[in-house]
Amino acid sequence: MQNGQSLQREILTLIEKNAKLTAKEIAVYLGAEESAVSAEIAALEKARVICGYGTLINWELTDDESLTALIEVKVTPARGKGFSSIAERIYSFDEVKSVYLMSGGYDLAVIIEGKSLKDISMFVSDKLSPLESVLSTATHFVLKKYKDHGVVFGGREQGDERMIVSP
């Protein structure tokens, strides 16, 4: 059996790839006791190492119309609080799916979803840009997802990928 750190890492790796795995299935896979796996998962949830469980959906294969945008945001950090206070204000909006502090040419990367180009432009002009710490924004629209969270979308069919050679 693994030590605590190793068991923790193995559990996290497995559920990151498939959140539907049960504690019993994980225990069998790792050769551990189900009770130990359940206790470790509960401790990881309590410590907020495991922050939630989600499903990765290829929305392009549904009738639902939505648009994803990545917005580069330059901000003035708040005295004594750095970037955290402005990041909190931004991630509190329902449209915002992710906020990342970045190195390089801009400070925050904000990923949002909207029903249309107009929804996203209204978010930027009415909610994001007016925030007093925001200096500038640059919006980029996602045209097609090829891979997200390690999952390939719409790739080639699985099977024989060898080149056909004929005499």
N, C-alpha and C. Protein backbone atom coordinates (compact mmCIF):
# COMPACT_ATOMS: atom_id res chain seq x y z
N MET A 1 0.84 -1.19 0.00
CA MET A 1 0.00 0.00 0.00
C MET A 1 0.88 1.25 0.00
N GLN A 2 0.36 2.33 -0.59
CA GLN A 2 1.11 3.55 -0.72
C GLN A 2 1.12 4.33 0.58
N ASN A 3 2.10 5.26 0.70
CA ASN A 3 2.05 6.17 1.84
C ASN A 3 0.97 7.21 1.58
N GLY A 4 0.68 8.07 2.56
CA GLY A 4 -0.42 9.03 2.45
C GLY A 4 -0.30 9.96 1.25
N GLN A 5 0.90 10.52 1.03
CA GLN A 5 1.10 11.44 -0.09
C GLN A 5 0.90 10.74 -1.42
N SER A 6 1.44 9.54 -1.53
CA SER A 6 1.33 8.78 -2.78
C SER A 6 -0.12 8.40 -3.06
N LEU A 7 -0.83 7.94 -2.01
CA LEU A 7 -2.25 7.59 -2.17
C LEU A 7 -3.04 8.82 -2.60
N GLN A 8 -2.76 9.93 -1.97
CA GLN A 8 -3.44 11.18 -2.30
C GLN A 8 -3.23 11.53 -3.78
N ARG A 9 -1.99 11.47 -4.22
CA ARG A 9 -1.65 11.81 -5.61
C ARG A 9 -2.35 10.86 -6.58
N GLU A 10 -2.34 9.59 -6.28
CA GLU A 10 -2.98 8.59 -7.15
C GLU A 10 -4.49 8.82 -7.23
N ILE A 11 -5.11 9.09 -6.11
CA ILE A 11 -6.56 9.36 -6.09
C ILE A 11 -6.87 10.60 -6.93
N LEU A 12 -6.11 11.67 -6.70
CA LEU A 12 -6.35 12.91 -7.44
C LEU A 12 -6.16 12.72 -8.94
N THR A 13 -5.15 11.98 -9.32
CA THR A 13 -4.90 11.72 -10.74
C THR A 13 -6.05 10.94 -11.36
N LEU A 14 -6.55 9.94 -10.66
CA LEU A 14 -7.65 9.13 -11.19
C LEU A 14 -8.95 9.94 -11.31
N ILE A 15 -9.32 10.67 -10.28
CA ILE A 15 -10.60 11.38 -10.35
C ILE A 15 -10.53 12.62 -11.22
N GLU A 16 -9.32 13.14 -11.46
CA GLU A 16 -9.19 14.24 -12.40
C GLU A 16 -9.54 13.77 -13.81
N LYS A 17 -9.20 12.54 -14.12
CA LYS A 17 -9.51 11.97 -15.44
C LYS A 17 -10.94 11.44 -15.53
N ASN A 18 -11.48 10.96 -14.40
CA ASN A 18 -12.83 10.40 -14.42
C ASN A 18 -13.46 10.59 -13.05
N ALA A 19 -14.24 11.64 -12.89
CA ALA A 19 -14.87 11.97 -11.61
C ALA A 19 -15.99 11.00 -11.25
N LYS A 20 -16.38 10.13 -12.17
CA LYS A 20 -17.45 9.18 -11.90
C LYS A 20 -16.96 7.95 -11.14
N LEU A 21 -15.66 7.79 -11.00
CA LEU A 21 -15.13 6.63 -10.27
C LEU A 21 -15.61 6.65 -8.82
N THR A 22 -16.03 5.50 -8.34
CA THR A 22 -16.43 5.39 -6.94
C THR A 22 -15.21 5.10 -6.09
N ALA A 23 -15.35 5.29 -4.78
CA ALA A 23 -14.25 4.98 -3.86
C ALA A 23 -13.89 3.50 -3.96
N LYS A 24 -14.87 2.67 -4.16
CA LYS A 24 -14.62 1.22 -4.29
C LYS A 24 -13.79 0.94 -5.54
N GLU A 25 -14.14 1.55 -6.66
CA GLU A 25 -13.39 1.35 -7.90
C GLU A 25 -11.96 1.86 -7.78
N ILE A 26 -11.79 3.01 -7.13
CA ILE A 26 -10.46 3.57 -6.93
C ILE A 26 -9.63 2.65 -6.04
N ALA A 27 -10.25 2.14 -4.98
CA ALA A 27 -9.56 1.23 -4.06
C ALA A 27 -9.08 -0.02 -4.79
N VAL A 28 -9.92 -0.59 -5.63
CA VAL A 28 -9.54 -1.79 -6.39
C VAL A 28 -8.38 -1.46 -7.32
N TYR A 29 -8.47 -0.35 -8.01
CA TYR A 29 -7.43 0.05 -8.96
C TYR A 29 -6.09 0.26 -8.26
N LEU A 30 -6.13 0.86 -7.06
CA LEU A 30 -4.90 1.18 -6.34
C LEU A 30 -4.44 0.09 -5.39
N GLY A 31 -5.27 -0.92 -5.19
CA GLY A 31 -4.92 -1.96 -4.23
C GLY A 31 -4.95 -1.43 -2.80
N ALA A 32 -5.90 -0.57 -2.53
CA ALA A 32 -6.03 0.06 -1.20
C ALA A 32 -7.37 -0.33 -0.60
N GLU A 33 -7.53 -0.02 0.68
CA GLU A 33 -8.80 -0.25 1.36
C GLU A 33 -9.80 0.82 0.95
N GLU A 34 -11.03 0.42 0.71
CA GLU A 34 -12.07 1.37 0.32
C GLU A 34 -12.26 2.45 1.39
N SER A 35 -12.21 2.06 2.65
CA SER A 35 -12.38 3.02 3.74
C SER A 35 -11.26 4.07 3.74
N ALA A 36 -10.04 3.64 3.42
CA ALA A 36 -8.91 4.59 3.35
C ALA A 36 -9.10 5.57 2.20
N VAL A 37 -9.58 5.07 1.06
CA VAL A 37 -9.82 5.93 -0.10
C VAL A 37 -10.94 6.91 0.21
N SER A 38 -12.03 6.44 0.79
CA SER A 38 -13.15 7.32 1.16
C SER A 38 -12.72 8.40 2.14
N ALA A 39 -11.93 8.02 3.13
CA ALA A 39 -11.45 8.98 4.13
C ALA A 39 -10.53 10.02 3.48
N GLU A 40 -9.68 9.57 2.58
CA GLU A 40 -8.75 10.49 1.90
C GLU A 40 -9.52 11.47 1.02
N ILE A 41 -10.52 10.99 0.29
CA ILE A 41 -11.33 11.88 -0.55
C ILE A 41 -12.07 12.90 0.30
N ALA A 42 -12.64 12.45 1.42
CA ALA A 42 -13.34 13.38 2.33
C ALA A 42 -12.39 14.44 2.87
N ALA A 43 -11.17 14.04 3.23
CA ALA A 43 -10.18 14.99 3.74
C ALA A 43 -9.77 15.98 2.66
N LEU A 44 -9.61 15.50 1.43
CA LEU A 44 -9.24 16.37 0.31
C LEU A 44 -10.35 17.37 -0.02
N GLU A 45 -11.61 16.94 0.11
CA GLU A 45 -12.74 17.85 -0.11
C GLU A 45 -12.79 18.90 1.00
N LYS A 46 -12.60 18.46 2.24
CA LYS A 46 -12.64 19.38 3.38
C LYS A 46 -11.53 20.43 3.29
N ALA A 47 -10.35 20.02 2.81
CA ALA A 47 -9.21 20.92 2.68
C ALA A 47 -9.30 21.77 1.41
N ARG A 48 -10.34 21.58 0.61
CA ARG A 48 -10.57 22.28 -0.66
C ARG A 48 -9.50 22.00 -1.70
N VAL A 49 -8.81 20.84 -1.56
CA VAL A 49 -7.93 20.38 -2.63
C VAL A 49 -8.82 19.91 -3.77
N ILE A 50 -9.85 19.17 -3.44
CA ILE A 50 -10.90 18.82 -4.40
C ILE A 50 -11.96 19.90 -4.25
N CYS A 51 -12.13 20.72 -5.28
CA CYS A 51 -13.02 21.88 -5.20
C CYS A 51 -14.39 21.63 -5.80
N GLY A 52 -14.56 20.52 -6.48
CA GLY A 52 -15.84 20.21 -7.10
C GLY A 52 -15.65 19.12 -8.13
N TYR A 53 -16.75 18.68 -8.67
CA TYR A 53 -16.74 17.63 -9.68
C TYR A 53 -17.51 18.14 -10.88
N GLY A 54 -16.96 17.99 -12.06
CA GLY A 54 -17.62 18.53 -13.23
C GLY A 54 -17.67 17.53 -14.38
N THR A 55 -18.42 17.91 -15.38
CA THR A 55 -18.54 17.13 -16.60
C THR A 55 -18.06 18.00 -17.75
N LEU A 56 -17.20 17.46 -18.59
CA LEU A 56 -16.71 18.18 -19.74
C LEU A 56 -17.64 17.87 -20.91
N ILE A 57 -18.27 18.90 -21.47
CA ILE A 57 -19.28 18.73 -22.51
C ILE A 57 -18.82 19.37 -23.80
N ASN A 58 -18.98 18.68 -24.89
CA ASN A 58 -18.69 19.24 -26.21
C ASN A 58 -19.98 19.92 -26.69
N TRP A 59 -20.13 21.19 -26.36
CA TRP A 59 -21.35 21.93 -26.66
C TRP A 59 -21.59 22.07 -28.16
N GLU A 60 -20.55 21.92 -28.97
CA GLU A 60 -20.73 22.02 -30.42
C GLU A 60 -21.61 20.91 -30.96
N LEU A 61 -21.74 19.82 -30.23
CA LEU A 61 -22.56 18.70 -30.68
C LEU A 61 -23.99 18.79 -30.15
N THR A 62 -24.34 19.91 -29.53
CA THR A 62 -25.70 20.12 -29.03
C THR A 62 -26.36 21.26 -29.81
N ASP A 63 -27.62 21.47 -29.56
CA ASP A 63 -28.35 22.57 -30.19
C ASP A 63 -28.15 23.89 -29.46
N ASP A 64 -27.47 23.84 -28.31
CA ASP A 64 -27.25 25.03 -27.50
C ASP A 64 -26.24 25.94 -28.17
N GLU A 65 -26.61 27.18 -28.38
CA GLU A 65 -25.71 28.16 -28.98
C GLU A 65 -25.04 28.96 -27.88
N SER A 66 -23.73 28.94 -27.85
CA SER A 66 -23.01 29.78 -26.89
C SER A 66 -21.66 30.15 -27.48
N LEU A 67 -21.07 31.15 -26.89
CA LEU A 67 -19.81 31.68 -27.38
C LEU A 67 -18.88 31.84 -26.18
N THR A 68 -17.62 31.46 -26.36
CA THR A 68 -16.63 31.60 -25.30
C THR A 68 -15.62 32.66 -25.72
N ALA A 69 -15.23 33.50 -24.77
CA ALA A 69 -14.24 34.53 -25.06
C ALA A 69 -13.18 34.53 -23.97
N LEU A 70 -11.95 34.81 -24.38
CA LEU A 70 -10.86 35.04 -23.46
C LEU A 70 -10.56 36.53 -23.51
N ILE A 71 -10.61 37.15 -22.36
CA ILE A 71 -10.40 38.60 -22.29
C ILE A 71 -9.11 38.87 -21.53
N GLU A 72 -8.19 39.56 -22.19
CA GLU A 72 -6.96 40.01 -21.54
C GLU A 72 -7.31 41.31 -20.81
N VAL A 73 -6.96 41.38 -19.54
CA VAL A 73 -7.31 42.56 -18.75
C VAL A 73 -6.05 43.11 -18.08
N LYS A 74 -5.79 44.39 -18.31
CA LYS A 74 -4.73 45.09 -17.60
C LYS A 74 -5.38 45.87 -16.48
N VAL A 75 -4.84 45.75 -15.28
CA VAL A 75 -5.44 46.41 -14.12
C VAL A 75 -4.38 47.12 -13.29
N THR A 76 -4.84 48.00 -12.43
CA THR A 76 -4.00 48.61 -11.42
C THR A 76 -4.26 47.84 -10.14
N PRO A 77 -3.25 47.14 -9.60
CA PRO A 77 -3.50 46.38 -8.36
C PRO A 77 -3.83 47.31 -7.19
N ALA A 78 -4.70 46.85 -6.32
CA ALA A 78 -5.11 47.64 -5.15
C ALA A 78 -3.98 47.66 -4.12
N ARG A 79 -3.76 48.82 -3.54
CA ARG A 79 -2.71 48.97 -2.52
C ARG A 79 -3.01 48.02 -1.35
N GLY A 80 -2.03 47.21 -0.99
CA GLY A 80 -2.16 46.29 0.14
C GLY A 80 -2.91 45.01 -0.17
N LYS A 81 -3.57 44.94 -1.33
CA LYS A 81 -4.34 43.74 -1.68
C LYS A 81 -3.86 43.09 -2.97
N GLY A 82 -3.03 43.79 -3.71
CA GLY A 82 -2.52 43.24 -4.96
C GLY A 82 -3.64 43.06 -5.97
N PHE A 83 -3.59 41.94 -6.66
CA PHE A 83 -4.56 41.66 -7.71
C PHE A 83 -5.82 40.96 -7.19
N SER A 84 -5.75 40.47 -5.97
CA SER A 84 -6.86 39.65 -5.44
C SER A 84 -8.20 40.37 -5.39
N SER A 85 -8.22 41.61 -4.96
CA SER A 85 -9.51 42.29 -4.81
C SER A 85 -10.19 42.52 -6.15
N ILE A 86 -9.43 42.90 -7.18
CA ILE A 86 -10.05 43.09 -8.50
C ILE A 86 -10.44 41.75 -9.11
N ALA A 87 -9.62 40.72 -8.88
CA ALA A 87 -9.96 39.38 -9.38
C ALA A 87 -11.27 38.90 -8.76
N GLU A 88 -11.45 39.15 -7.46
CA GLU A 88 -12.69 38.75 -6.79
C GLU A 88 -13.90 39.48 -7.38
N ARG A 89 -13.76 40.75 -7.65
CA ARG A 89 -14.88 41.50 -8.25
C ARG A 89 -15.23 40.93 -9.61
N ILE A 90 -14.21 40.57 -10.39
CA ILE A 90 -14.45 40.05 -11.73
C ILE A 90 -15.06 38.66 -11.68
N TYR A 91 -14.53 37.76 -10.84
CA TYR A 91 -15.08 36.39 -10.84
C TYR A 91 -16.46 36.29 -10.20
N SER A 92 -16.93 37.37 -9.57
CA SER A 92 -18.27 37.33 -8.99
C SER A 92 -19.37 37.45 -10.04
N PHE A 93 -19.04 37.89 -11.26
CA PHE A 93 -20.04 37.97 -12.32
C PHE A 93 -20.40 36.56 -12.82
N ASP A 94 -21.68 36.32 -13.04
CA ASP A 94 -22.16 35.00 -13.47
C ASP A 94 -21.55 34.54 -14.80
N GLU A 95 -21.29 35.48 -15.69
CA GLU A 95 -20.76 35.13 -17.01
C GLU A 95 -19.34 34.57 -16.95
N VAL A 96 -18.62 34.92 -15.90
CA VAL A 96 -17.20 34.56 -15.78
C VAL A 96 -17.05 33.10 -15.37
N LYS A 97 -16.31 32.35 -16.18
CA LYS A 97 -16.04 30.94 -15.90
C LYS A 97 -14.70 30.74 -15.23
N SER A 98 -13.71 31.56 -15.58
CA SER A 98 -12.36 31.43 -15.01
C SER A 98 -11.67 32.78 -14.99
N VAL A 99 -10.79 32.97 -14.00
CA VAL A 99 -9.93 34.14 -13.92
C VAL A 99 -8.55 33.65 -13.51
N TYR A 100 -7.54 34.07 -14.26
CA TYR A 100 -6.17 33.66 -13.99
C TYR A 100 -5.27 34.90 -13.90
N LEU A 101 -4.37 34.94 -12.92
CA LEU A 101 -3.33 35.96 -12.87
C LEU A 101 -2.23 35.51 -13.82
N MET A 102 -1.80 36.41 -14.70
CA MET A 102 -0.87 36.05 -15.76
C MET A 102 0.44 36.81 -15.64
N SER A 103 1.47 36.24 -16.24
CA SER A 103 2.70 37.00 -16.44
C SER A 103 2.68 37.48 -17.88
N GLY A 104 3.46 38.49 -18.19
CA GLY A 104 3.52 38.94 -19.58
C GLY A 104 2.82 40.26 -19.80
N GLY A 105 2.19 40.40 -20.96
CA GLY A 105 1.65 41.67 -21.42
C GLY A 105 0.36 42.13 -20.77
N TYR A 106 -0.30 41.29 -20.03
CA TYR A 106 -1.52 41.69 -19.34
C TYR A 106 -1.57 40.99 -17.99
N ASP A 107 -2.48 41.40 -17.13
CA ASP A 107 -2.49 40.92 -15.74
C ASP A 107 -3.42 39.74 -15.50
N LEU A 108 -4.64 39.84 -16.01
CA LEU A 108 -5.64 38.80 -15.77
C LEU A 108 -6.17 38.25 -17.09
N ALA A 109 -6.36 36.94 -17.13
CA ALA A 109 -7.05 36.31 -18.25
C ALA A 109 -8.42 35.93 -17.71
N VAL A 110 -9.46 36.43 -18.36
CA VAL A 110 -10.84 36.19 -17.93
C VAL A 110 -11.53 35.40 -19.03
N ILE A 111 -12.08 34.25 -18.68
CA ILE A 111 -12.80 33.44 -19.65
C ILE A 111 -14.28 33.53 -19.32
N ILE A 112 -15.07 33.95 -20.32
CA ILE A 112 -16.51 34.10 -20.11
C ILE A 112 -17.27 33.34 -21.19
N GLU A 113 -18.54 33.09 -20.90
CA GLU A 113 -19.44 32.49 -21.88
C GLU A 113 -20.67 33.36 -22.00
N GLY A 114 -21.16 33.46 -23.22
CA GLY A 114 -22.38 34.22 -23.49
C GLY A 114 -23.15 33.56 -24.61
N LYS A 115 -24.37 34.00 -24.80
CA LYS A 115 -25.22 33.43 -25.85
C LYS A 115 -24.85 33.99 -27.22
N SER A 116 -24.27 35.20 -27.24
CA SER A 116 -23.99 35.84 -28.52
C SER A 116 -22.82 36.81 -28.39
N LEU A 117 -22.37 37.29 -29.53
CA LEU A 117 -21.33 38.32 -29.57
C LEU A 117 -21.80 39.55 -28.81
N LYS A 118 -23.07 39.88 -28.96
CA LYS A 118 -23.63 41.05 -28.28
C LYS A 118 -23.59 40.87 -26.76
N ASP A 119 -23.92 39.67 -26.26
CA ASP A 119 -23.86 39.41 -24.81
C ASP A 119 -22.46 39.64 -24.27
N ILE A 120 -21.47 39.14 -24.98
CA ILE A 120 -20.09 39.28 -24.52
C ILE A 120 -19.64 40.74 -24.60
N SER A 121 -19.99 41.42 -25.69
CA SER A 121 -19.58 42.83 -25.81
C SER A 121 -20.27 43.68 -24.75
N MET A 122 -21.51 43.36 -24.41
CA MET A 122 -22.22 44.10 -23.36
C MET A 122 -21.56 43.84 -21.99
N PHE A 123 -21.13 42.61 -21.75
CA PHE A 123 -20.44 42.31 -20.50
C PHE A 123 -19.16 43.16 -20.38
N VAL A 124 -18.37 43.18 -21.46
CA VAL A 124 -17.12 43.93 -21.43
C VAL A 124 -17.38 45.42 -21.26
N SER A 125 -18.32 45.96 -22.02
CA SER A 125 -18.54 47.42 -21.97
C SER A 125 -19.32 47.87 -20.74
N ASP A 126 -20.25 47.05 -20.25
CA ASP A 126 -21.10 47.49 -19.14
C ASP A 126 -20.63 47.03 -17.75
N LYS A 127 -19.92 45.91 -17.69
CA LYS A 127 -19.55 45.37 -16.38
C LYS A 127 -18.04 45.38 -16.13
N LEU A 128 -17.26 44.93 -17.11
CA LEU A 128 -15.83 44.76 -16.88
C LEU A 128 -15.05 46.07 -17.02
N SER A 129 -15.16 46.72 -18.15
CA SER A 129 -14.38 47.94 -18.40
C SER A 129 -14.64 49.07 -17.40
N PRO A 130 -15.87 49.26 -16.92
CA PRO A 130 -16.11 50.35 -15.97
C PRO A 130 -15.48 50.15 -14.59
N LEU A 131 -15.01 48.95 -14.25
CA LEU A 131 -14.40 48.76 -12.94
C LEU A 131 -13.19 49.69 -12.82
N GLU A 132 -13.09 50.38 -11.69
CA GLU A 132 -12.09 51.44 -11.58
C GLU A 132 -10.65 50.96 -11.69
N SER A 133 -10.37 49.71 -11.38
CA SER A 133 -8.99 49.20 -11.48
C SER A 133 -8.63 48.75 -12.89
N VAL A 134 -9.63 48.59 -13.77
CA VAL A 134 -9.37 48.09 -15.12
C VAL A 134 -8.82 49.20 -16.00
N LEU A 135 -7.65 48.96 -16.55
CA LEU A 135 -7.01 49.94 -17.44
C LEU A 135 -7.36 49.68 -18.89
N SER A 136 -7.37 48.40 -19.31
CA SER A 136 -7.71 48.07 -20.70
C SER A 136 -8.09 46.60 -20.81
N THR A 137 -8.78 46.29 -21.90
CA THR A 137 -9.17 44.91 -22.19
C THR A 137 -8.90 44.61 -23.65
N ALA A 138 -8.70 43.33 -23.96
CA ALA A 138 -8.62 42.85 -25.34
C ALA A 138 -9.36 41.53 -25.36
N THR A 139 -10.38 41.44 -26.20
CA THR A 139 -11.25 40.27 -26.22
C THR A 139 -10.91 39.38 -27.41
N HIS A 140 -10.77 38.09 -27.13
CA HIS A 140 -10.51 37.08 -28.16
C HIS A 140 -11.62 36.04 -28.09
N PHE A 141 -12.21 35.72 -29.23
CA PHE A 141 -13.31 34.75 -29.26
C PHE A 141 -12.79 33.38 -29.63
N VAL A 142 -13.28 32.36 -28.93
CA VAL A 142 -12.91 30.98 -29.23
C VAL A 142 -13.73 30.55 -30.44
N LEU A 143 -13.05 30.21 -31.52
CA LEU A 143 -13.74 29.80 -32.74
C LEU A 143 -14.01 28.30 -32.76
N LYS A 144 -13.08 27.52 -32.22
CA LYS A 144 -13.25 26.07 -32.19
C LYS A 144 -12.37 25.50 -31.09
N LYS A 145 -12.91 24.55 -30.33
CA LYS A 145 -12.12 23.86 -29.31
C LYS A 145 -11.58 22.58 -29.92
N TYR A 146 -10.28 22.40 -29.83
CA TYR A 146 -9.66 21.17 -30.29
C TYR A 146 -9.36 20.23 -29.12
N LYS A 147 -8.96 20.82 -28.00
CA LYS A 147 -8.66 20.03 -26.81
C LYS A 147 -8.95 20.89 -25.60
N ASP A 148 -9.61 20.32 -24.61
CA ASP A 148 -9.96 21.05 -23.40
C ASP A 148 -9.83 20.11 -22.21
N HIS A 149 -9.12 20.54 -21.18
CA HIS A 149 -8.90 19.72 -19.99
C HIS A 149 -8.39 18.32 -20.33
N GLY A 150 -7.52 18.24 -21.32
CA GLY A 150 -6.92 16.97 -21.69
C GLY A 150 -7.76 16.10 -22.60
N VAL A 151 -8.95 16.55 -22.96
CA VAL A 151 -9.85 15.77 -23.82
C VAL A 151 -9.86 16.37 -25.21
N VAL A 152 -9.62 15.53 -26.22
CA VAL A 152 -9.62 15.97 -27.61
C VAL A 152 -11.06 16.01 -28.12
N PHE A 153 -11.44 17.13 -28.73
CA PHE A 153 -12.78 17.29 -29.31
C PHE A 153 -12.69 17.13 -30.81
N GLY A 154 -13.56 16.32 -31.38
CA GLY A 154 -13.69 16.23 -32.83
C GLY A 154 -12.43 15.82 -33.56
N GLY A 155 -11.58 15.06 -32.90
CA GLY A 155 -10.36 14.59 -33.55
C GLY A 155 -10.65 13.49 -34.55
N ARG A 156 -9.59 13.02 -35.15
CA ARG A 156 -9.75 11.91 -36.10
C ARG A 156 -10.32 10.70 -35.40
N GLU A 157 -11.01 9.89 -36.16
CA GLU A 157 -11.57 8.66 -35.60
C GLU A 157 -10.44 7.78 -35.10
N GLN A 158 -10.68 7.11 -33.99
CA GLN A 158 -9.69 6.19 -33.46
C GLN A 158 -9.60 4.99 -34.40
N GLY A 159 -8.44 4.50 -34.54
CA GLY A 159 -8.26 3.32 -35.41
C GLY A 159 -6.89 3.34 -36.03
N ASP A 160 -6.78 2.69 -37.16
CA ASP A 160 -5.51 2.54 -37.85
C ASP A 160 -5.14 3.87 -38.53
N GLU A 161 -4.05 4.49 -38.06
CA GLU A 161 -3.64 5.77 -38.61
C GLU A 161 -2.41 5.65 -39.50
N ARG A 162 -2.10 4.42 -39.91
CA ARG A 162 -0.93 4.22 -40.77
C ARG A 162 -1.22 4.74 -42.17
N MET A 163 -0.16 5.24 -42.82
CA MET A 163 -0.30 5.72 -44.17
C MET A 163 -0.48 4.54 -45.12
N ILE A 164 -1.36 4.69 -46.08
CA ILE A 164 -1.57 3.63 -47.07
C ILE A 164 -0.43 3.69 -48.07
N VAL A 165 0.20 2.55 -48.25
CA VAL A 165 1.31 2.45 -49.19
C VAL A 165 0.91 1.44 -50.27
N SER A 166 1.01 1.86 -51.51
CA SER A 166 0.68 0.92 -52.57
C SER A 166 1.87 0.86 -53.55
N PRO A 167 2.05 -0.31 -54.21
CA PRO A 167 3.21 -0.46 -55.10
C PRO A 167 3.10 0.36 -56.36
